[in-house]
Amino acid sequence: MLSVHVSSEFDKSKHTYGALRITKALSFKGIKASKKRVLSLMKAMGLVSVHRKKYRVCTTDSKHNNPVAPNILNRDFDSDKPNQKWTGDITYIHTLEGFLYLAVIMDLFSRKIIGMEMSDSMREELCLTALGQALALRQPAKDLIHHTDRGSQYAGNLYQETLYDQQCVVSMSRKGNCWDNAPTESFFGTLKKECVLRRTFQTRKEAQKTIEDYILNFYNQD
């Protein structure tokens, strides 16, 4: 029976889940199984998850003259309540029309995406809209730690003024260090593995609709 459940979760994930996520999915349904046991069953049934491709486009433009903040978050990704620590970042999705850029805001307490925006460019407005969604949805108290890379979008005047008005504590990654924002980077990896890889989007609109559905109706429901 456990093999049936493992196979079912694997198929539901469109062959993207590995042993760890299948184990978590089973646990959520009250089915107890160790990761080692699930991995053994997957090997026996020949179930191999799709691996994520490496993407090489740089979305961080740190060649600007705006001030940058110190790394206040300092890789402390644990949070004991909502709206205590947020992270933001940008990634891109390939379509036959060109790249679609995605900016998100993540609450580290739940690891859910609480703000997102997509566009055909990486202008500051892309990130500002995602931040605005998160602020409107959560209305956080002052002293929220807001962590991003030191790219021009996040170091820009409008973005920083918005954070100042909200009395946020601004934190930025060290130059060229993606591990300082590991949870958001991990989300992007999951998104591309489970939603983007093996798909060919004809248009940006098609990609946007698919990604919104994945984030709102799948990822945020875990």
C-alpha atoms as a PDB file:
ATOM      1  CA  MET A   1       0.000   0.000   0.000  1.00  0.00           C
ATOM      2  CA  LEU A   2       2.867   2.373   0.716  1.00  0.00           C
ATOM      3  CA  SER A   3       4.189   1.796  -2.806  1.00  0.00           C
ATOM      4  CA  VAL A   4       0.798   2.792  -4.194  1.00  0.00           C
ATOM      5  CA  HIS A   5       0.802   6.014  -2.169  1.00  0.00           C
ATOM      6  CA  VAL A   6       4.374   6.842  -3.182  1.00  0.00           C
ATOM      7  CA  SER A   7       3.593   6.270  -6.846  1.00  0.00           C
ATOM      8  CA  SER A   8       0.444   8.367  -6.586  1.00  0.00           C
ATOM      9  CA  GLU A   9       2.270  11.358  -5.063  1.00  0.00           C
ATOM     10  CA  PHE A  10       5.005  11.033  -7.696  1.00  0.00           C
ATOM     11  CA  ASP A  11       2.429  11.176 -10.491  1.00  0.00           C
ATOM     12  CA  LYS A  12       0.590  14.120  -8.885  1.00  0.00           C
ATOM     13  CA  SER A  13       3.840  16.094  -8.879  1.00  0.00           C
ATOM     14  CA  LYS A  14       4.269  15.380 -12.603  1.00  0.00           C
ATOM     15  CA  HIS A  15       7.390  13.368 -11.812  1.00  0.00           C
ATOM     16  CA  THR A  16       9.139  16.277 -10.077  1.00  0.00           C
ATOM     17  CA  TYR A  17       9.033  15.180  -6.405  1.00  0.00           C
ATOM     18  CA  GLY A  18      11.996  13.406  -4.870  1.00  0.00           C
ATOM     19  CA  ALA A  19      11.922  11.210  -1.778  1.00  0.00           C
ATOM     20  CA  LEU A  20      11.952  14.130   0.678  1.00  0.00           C
ATOM     21  CA  ARG A  21       8.924  15.949  -0.753  1.00  0.00           C
ATOM     22  CA  ILE A  22       6.991  12.706  -1.200  1.00  0.00           C
ATOM     23  CA  THR A  23       7.708  11.851   2.438  1.00  0.00           C
ATOM     24  CA  LYS A  24       6.381  15.269   3.481  1.00  0.00           C
ATOM     25  CA  ALA A  25       3.285  14.877   1.289  1.00  0.00           C
ATOM     26  CA  LEU A  26       2.537  11.494   2.830  1.00  0.00           C
ATOM     27  CA  SER A  27       3.072  12.838   6.343  1.00  0.00           C
ATOM     28  CA  PHE A  28       0.591  15.662   5.611  1.00  0.00           C
ATOM     29  CA  LYS A  29      -1.976  12.947   4.814  1.00  0.00           C
ATOM     30  CA  GLY A  30      -1.178  11.037   7.995  1.00  0.00           C
ATOM     31  CA  ILE A  31       0.821   8.290   6.276  1.00  0.00           C
ATOM     32  CA  LYS A  32       3.986   7.545   8.222  1.00  0.00           C
ATOM     33  CA  ALA A  33       7.108   6.590   6.278  1.00  0.00           C
ATOM     34  CA  SER A  34      10.769   7.471   6.552  1.00  0.00           C
ATOM     35  CA  LYS A  35      12.607   9.223   3.741  1.00  0.00           C
ATOM     36  CA  LYS A  36      14.911   6.195   3.501  1.00  0.00           C
ATOM     37  CA  ARG A  37      11.943   3.849   3.025  1.00  0.00           C
ATOM     38  CA  VAL A  38      10.346   6.113   0.404  1.00  0.00           C
ATOM     39  CA  LEU A  39      13.642   6.387  -1.469  1.00  0.00           C
ATOM     40  CA  SER A  40      13.999   2.590  -1.441  1.00  0.00           C
ATOM     41  CA  LEU A  41      10.500   2.150  -2.874  1.00  0.00           C
ATOM     42  CA  MET A  42      11.123   4.781  -5.545  1.00  0.00           C
ATOM     43  CA  LYS A  43      14.285   3.005  -6.641  1.00  0.00           C
ATOM     44  CA  ALA A  44      12.460  -0.317  -6.738  1.00  0.00           C
ATOM     45  CA  MET A  45       9.728   1.181  -8.939  1.00  0.00           C
ATOM     46  CA  GLY A  46      12.162   3.101 -11.134  1.00  0.00           C
ATOM     47  CA  LEU A  47      10.749   6.515 -10.139  1.00  0.00           C
ATOM     48  CA  VAL A  48      13.346   9.207 -10.825  1.00  0.00           C
ATOM     49  CA  SER A  49      12.467  12.870 -10.348  1.00  0.00           C
ATOM     50  CA  VAL A  50      13.218  15.439 -13.017  1.00  0.00           C
ATOM     51  CA  HIS A  51      16.375  17.390 -12.259  1.00  0.00           C
ATOM     52  CA  ARG A  52      16.503  21.157 -12.523  1.00  0.00           C
ATOM     53  CA  LYS A  53      18.549  22.740 -15.268  1.00  0.00           C
ATOM     54  CA  LYS A  54      21.050  25.441 -14.403  1.00  0.00           C
ATOM     55  CA  TYR A  55      20.024  28.943 -15.436  1.00  0.00           C
ATOM     56  CA  ARG A  56      22.770  31.440 -16.187  1.00  0.00           C
ATOM     57  CA  VAL A  57      21.159  34.842 -16.721  1.00  0.00           C
ATOM     58  CA  CYS A  58      22.244  37.295 -14.022  1.00  0.00           C
ATOM     59  CA  THR A  59      19.361  39.223 -12.454  1.00  0.00           C
ATOM     60  CA  THR A  60      21.502  41.213 -10.004  1.00  0.00           C
ATOM     61  CA  ASP A  61      22.900  44.515 -11.206  1.00  0.00           C
ATOM     62  CA  SER A  62      25.134  45.728  -8.378  1.00  0.00           C
ATOM     63  CA  LYS A  63      26.959  48.297 -10.520  1.00  0.00           C
ATOM     64  CA  HIS A  64      25.235  51.397  -9.156  1.00  0.00           C
ATOM     65  CA  ASN A  65      26.016  54.278  -6.849  1.00  0.00           C
ATOM     66  CA  ASN A  66      23.129  53.825  -4.419  1.00  0.00           C
ATOM     67  CA  PRO A  67      23.895  52.983  -0.779  1.00  0.00           C
ATOM     68  CA  VAL A  68      23.727  49.310   0.214  1.00  0.00           C
ATOM     69  CA  ALA A  69      22.701  47.933   3.599  1.00  0.00           C
ATOM     70  CA  PRO A  70      24.659  45.465   5.755  1.00  0.00           C
ATOM     71  CA  ASN A  71      23.636  41.826   5.958  1.00  0.00           C
ATOM     72  CA  ILE A  72      21.456  42.136   9.077  1.00  0.00           C
ATOM     73  CA  LEU A  73      19.678  38.835   8.415  1.00  0.00           C
ATOM     74  CA  ASN A  74      23.059  37.050   8.403  1.00  0.00           C
ATOM     75  CA  ARG A  75      21.588  33.748   7.149  1.00  0.00           C
ATOM     76  CA  ASP A  76      19.281  33.442  10.163  1.00  0.00           C
ATOM     77  CA  PHE A  77      16.339  32.111   8.181  1.00  0.00           C
ATOM     78  CA  ASP A  78      14.305  30.911  11.173  1.00  0.00           C
ATOM     79  CA  SER A  79      11.276  32.920  12.235  1.00  0.00           C
ATOM     80  CA  ASP A  80       8.835  32.244  15.079  1.00  0.00           C
ATOM     81  CA  LYS A  81       5.987  34.428  13.802  1.00  0.00           C
ATOM     82  CA  PRO A  82       4.640  35.888  10.551  1.00  0.00           C
ATOM     83  CA  ASN A  83       5.876  39.255   9.247  1.00  0.00           C
ATOM     84  CA  GLN A  84       9.108  39.077  11.189  1.00  0.00           C
ATOM     85  CA  LYS A  85      11.474  38.418   8.265  1.00  0.00           C
ATOM     86  CA  TRP A  86      10.782  38.830   4.553  1.00  0.00           C
ATOM     87  CA  THR A  87      13.036  38.125   1.601  1.00  0.00           C
ATOM     88  CA  GLY A  88      12.789  39.329  -1.985  1.00  0.00           C
ATOM     89  CA  ASP A  89      14.433  38.320  -5.237  1.00  0.00           C
ATOM     90  CA  ILE A  90      14.087  38.199  -9.035  1.00  0.00           C
ATOM     91  CA  THR A  91      14.332  35.318 -11.486  1.00  0.00           C
ATOM     92  CA  TYR A  92      13.453  34.804 -15.114  1.00  0.00           C
ATOM     93  CA  ILE A  93      11.500  32.322 -17.229  1.00  0.00           C
ATOM     94  CA  HIS A  94      12.209  31.655 -20.890  1.00  0.00           C
ATOM     95  CA  THR A  95       9.358  32.002 -23.402  1.00  0.00           C
ATOM     96  CA  LEU A  96       9.348  32.108 -27.191  1.00  0.00           C
ATOM     97  CA  GLU A  97       8.530  35.833 -26.908  1.00  0.00           C
ATOM     98  CA  GLY A  98      11.570  36.452 -24.721  1.00  0.00           C
ATOM     99  CA  PHE A  99      12.273  36.386 -20.999  1.00  0.00           C
ATOM    100  CA  LEU A 100       9.554  36.876 -18.395  1.00  0.00           C
ATOM    101  CA  TYR A 101      10.925  38.286 -15.145  1.00  0.00           C
ATOM    102  CA  LEU A 102       9.394  37.314 -11.802  1.00  0.00           C
ATOM    103  CA  ALA A 103       9.857  39.251  -8.550  1.00  0.00           C
ATOM    104  CA  VAL A 104       8.633  37.742  -5.278  1.00  0.00           C
ATOM    105  CA  ILE A 105       8.401  38.517  -1.577  1.00  0.00           C
ATOM    106  CA  MET A 106       8.628  35.531   0.790  1.00  0.00           C
ATOM    107  CA  ASP A 107       7.673  35.381   4.473  1.00  0.00           C
ATOM    108  CA  LEU A 108      10.337  33.233   6.137  1.00  0.00           C
ATOM    109  CA  PHE A 109       7.899  32.068   8.816  1.00  0.00           C
ATOM    110  CA  SER A 110       5.773  30.049   6.387  1.00  0.00           C
ATOM    111  CA  ARG A 111       8.068  30.226   3.308  1.00  0.00           C
ATOM    112  CA  LYS A 112       4.973  31.278   1.356  1.00  0.00           C
ATOM    113  CA  ILE A 113       5.011  33.866  -1.416  1.00  0.00           C
ATOM    114  CA  ILE A 114       3.080  36.904  -0.206  1.00  0.00           C
ATOM    115  CA  GLY A 115       3.834  39.254  -3.100  1.00  0.00           C
ATOM    116  CA  MET A 116       4.710  38.694  -6.753  1.00  0.00           C
ATOM    117  CA  GLU A 117       4.855  40.543 -10.033  1.00  0.00           C
ATOM    118  CA  MET A 118       5.901  39.562 -13.568  1.00  0.00           C
ATOM    119  CA  SER A 119       7.090  41.732 -16.446  1.00  0.00           C
ATOM    120  CA  ASP A 120       9.174  41.735 -19.612  1.00  0.00           C
ATOM    121  CA  SER A 121      11.831  43.870 -17.886  1.00  0.00           C
ATOM    122  CA  MET A 122      13.689  44.053 -14.567  1.00  0.00           C
ATOM    123  CA  ARG A 123      12.924  47.697 -13.800  1.00  0.00           C
ATOM    124  CA  GLU A 124      12.514  48.833 -10.198  1.00  0.00           C
ATOM    125  CA  GLU A 125       8.729  48.925 -10.651  1.00  0.00           C
ATOM    126  CA  LEU A 126       8.716  45.121 -10.953  1.00  0.00           C
ATOM    127  CA  CYS A 127      10.010  44.712  -7.410  1.00  0.00           C
ATOM    128  CA  LEU A 128       8.010  47.653  -6.054  1.00  0.00           C
ATOM    129  CA  THR A 129       4.741  46.086  -7.191  1.00  0.00           C
ATOM    130  CA  ALA A 130       5.593  42.761  -5.516  1.00  0.00           C
ATOM    131  CA  LEU A 131       6.510  44.613  -2.323  1.00  0.00           C
ATOM    132  CA  GLY A 132       3.313  46.665  -2.485  1.00  0.00           C
ATOM    133  CA  GLN A 133       1.212  43.512  -2.704  1.00  0.00           C
ATOM    134  CA  ALA A 134       2.920  42.045   0.364  1.00  0.00           C
ATOM    135  CA  LEU A 135       2.532  45.252   2.378  1.00  0.00           C
ATOM    136  CA  ALA A 136      -1.154  45.577   1.470  1.00  0.00           C
ATOM    137  CA  LEU A 137      -1.826  41.930   2.289  1.00  0.00           C
ATOM    138  CA  ARG A 138       0.063  41.715   5.583  1.00  0.00           C
ATOM    139  CA  GLN A 139       0.315  45.296   6.888  1.00  0.00           C
ATOM    140  CA  PRO A 140       3.373  44.411   8.995  1.00  0.00           C
ATOM    141  CA  ALA A 141       4.426  46.222  12.143  1.00  0.00           C
ATOM    142  CA  LYS A 142       7.637  48.237  12.234  1.00  0.00           C
ATOM    143  CA  ASP A 143      11.052  46.561  12.543  1.00  0.00           C
ATOM    144  CA  LEU A 144      10.243  43.899   9.940  1.00  0.00           C
ATOM    145  CA  ILE A 145      13.566  42.659   8.514  1.00  0.00           C
ATOM    146  CA  HIS A 146      13.439  42.955   4.727  1.00  0.00           C
ATOM    147  CA  HIS A 147      16.307  41.129   3.004  1.00  0.00           C
ATOM    148  CA  THR A 148      17.301  41.164  -0.681  1.00  0.00           C
ATOM    149  CA  ASP A 149      20.419  41.222  -2.809  1.00  0.00           C
ATOM    150  CA  ARG A 150      22.123  44.565  -3.438  1.00  0.00           C
ATOM    151  CA  GLY A 151      20.832  44.955  -6.998  1.00  0.00           C
ATOM    152  CA  SER A 152      19.839  48.324  -8.410  1.00  0.00           C
ATOM    153  CA  GLN A 153      16.131  47.463  -8.190  1.00  0.00           C
ATOM    154  CA  TYR A 154      16.306  47.002  -4.418  1.00  0.00           C
ATOM    155  CA  ALA A 155      18.824  49.769  -3.727  1.00  0.00           C
ATOM    156  CA  GLY A 156      16.812  52.256  -5.804  1.00  0.00           C
ATOM    157  CA  ASN A 157      15.365  55.397  -4.232  1.00  0.00           C
ATOM    158  CA  LEU A 158      11.681  54.492  -4.596  1.00  0.00           C
ATOM    159  CA  TYR A 159      12.128  51.004  -3.155  1.00  0.00           C
ATOM    160  CA  GLN A 160      14.185  52.236  -0.218  1.00  0.00           C
ATOM    161  CA  GLU A 161      11.763  55.087   0.470  1.00  0.00           C
ATOM    162  CA  THR A 162       8.923  52.573   0.660  1.00  0.00           C
ATOM    163  CA  LEU A 163      10.847  50.479   3.189  1.00  0.00           C
ATOM    164  CA  TYR A 164      11.738  53.596   5.182  1.00  0.00           C
ATOM    165  CA  ASP A 165       8.100  54.701   5.299  1.00  0.00           C
ATOM    166  CA  GLN A 166       7.145  51.248   6.603  1.00  0.00           C
ATOM    167  CA  GLN A 167       9.937  51.426   9.232  1.00  0.00           C
ATOM    168  CA  CYS A 168      11.505  48.211   7.947  1.00  0.00           C
ATOM    169  CA  VAL A 169      14.993  47.052   8.865  1.00  0.00           C
ATOM    170  CA  VAL A 170      16.848  46.840   5.552  1.00  0.00           C
ATOM    171  CA  SER A 171      19.226  43.923   5.013  1.00  0.00           C
ATOM    172  CA  MET A 172      21.189  43.023   1.873  1.00  0.00           C
ATOM    173  CA  SER A 173      23.289  40.056   0.827  1.00  0.00           C
ATOM    174  CA  ARG A 174      27.013  40.306   0.480  1.00  0.00           C
ATOM    175  CA  LYS A 175      28.215  40.947  -3.057  1.00  0.00           C
ATOM    176  CA  GLY A 176      27.907  37.882  -5.273  1.00  0.00           C
ATOM    177  CA  ASN A 177      26.734  35.620  -2.422  1.00  0.00           C
ATOM    178  CA  CYS A 178      23.465  33.857  -3.309  1.00  0.00           C
ATOM    179  CA  TRP A 179      23.592  31.773  -0.105  1.00  0.00           C
ATOM    180  CA  ASP A 180      22.707  34.892   1.892  1.00  0.00           C
ATOM    181  CA  ASN A 181      19.217  34.611   0.363  1.00  0.00           C
ATOM    182  CA  ALA A 182      19.044  30.812   0.215  1.00  0.00           C
ATOM    183  CA  PRO A 183      15.286  30.289   0.942  1.00  0.00           C
ATOM    184  CA  THR A 184      14.207  32.452  -1.985  1.00  0.00           C
ATOM    185  CA  GLU A 185      16.807  30.882  -4.271  1.00  0.00           C
ATOM    186  CA  SER A 186      15.503  27.481  -3.187  1.00  0.00           C
ATOM    187  CA  PHE A 187      11.943  28.514  -4.054  1.00  0.00           C
ATOM    188  CA  PHE A 188      13.034  29.561  -7.533  1.00  0.00           C
ATOM    189  CA  GLY A 189      14.712  26.193  -7.980  1.00  0.00           C
ATOM    190  CA  THR A 190      11.532  24.400  -6.931  1.00  0.00           C
ATOM    191  CA  LEU A 191       9.415  26.581  -9.206  1.00  0.00           C
ATOM    192  CA  LYS A 192      11.567  25.832 -12.236  1.00  0.00           C
ATOM    193  CA  LYS A 193      11.782  22.135 -11.496  1.00  0.00           C
ATOM    194  CA  GLU A 194       8.089  21.593 -10.834  1.00  0.00           C
ATOM    195  CA  CYS A 195       6.495  24.173 -13.104  1.00  0.00           C
ATOM    196  CA  VAL A 196       8.870  25.430 -15.811  1.00  0.00           C
ATOM    197  CA  LEU A 197      11.306  22.670 -16.836  1.00  0.00           C
ATOM    198  CA  ARG A 198       9.945  20.469 -19.665  1.00  0.00           C
ATOM    199  CA  ARG A 199       7.509  23.231 -20.721  1.00  0.00           C
ATOM    200  CA  THR A 200       7.761  25.509 -23.728  1.00  0.00           C
ATOM    201  CA  PHE A 201       5.813  28.705 -23.200  1.00  0.00           C
ATOM    202  CA  GLN A 202       4.694  30.312 -26.434  1.00  0.00           C
ATOM    203  CA  THR A 203       3.997  33.699 -24.836  1.00  0.00           C
ATOM    204  CA  ARG A 204       4.781  35.604 -21.643  1.00  0.00           C
ATOM    205  CA  LYS A 205       1.059  35.700 -20.878  1.00  0.00           C
ATOM    206  CA  GLU A 206       0.900  31.900 -20.983  1.00  0.00           C
ATOM    207  CA  ALA A 207       3.894  31.609 -18.668  1.00  0.00           C
ATOM    208  CA  GLN A 208       2.485  34.203 -16.272  1.00  0.00           C
ATOM    209  CA  LYS A 209      -0.847  32.406 -15.973  1.00  0.00           C
ATOM    210  CA  THR A 210       0.874  29.058 -15.338  1.00  0.00           C
ATOM    211  CA  ILE A 211       3.241  30.482 -12.730  1.00  0.00           C
ATOM    212  CA  GLU A 212       0.488  32.357 -10.883  1.00  0.00           C
ATOM    213  CA  ASP A 213      -1.580  29.175 -10.726  1.00  0.00           C
ATOM    214  CA  TYR A 214       1.393  27.172  -9.448  1.00  0.00           C
ATOM    215  CA  ILE A 215       2.289  29.651  -6.710  1.00  0.00           C
ATOM    216  CA  LEU A 216      -1.225  30.445  -5.497  1.00  0.00           C
ATOM    217  CA  ASN A 217      -2.882  27.052  -5.862  1.00  0.00           C
ATOM    218  CA  PHE A 218      -0.017  24.617  -5.355  1.00  0.00           C
ATOM    219  CA  TYR A 219       3.124  25.976  -3.722  1.00  0.00           C
ATOM    220  CA  ASN A 220       1.381  28.219  -1.199  1.00  0.00           C
ATOM    221  CA  GLN A 221      -0.980  25.376  -0.245  1.00  0.00           C
ATOM    222  CA  ASP A 222       1.791  23.014   0.941  1.00  0.00           C
END
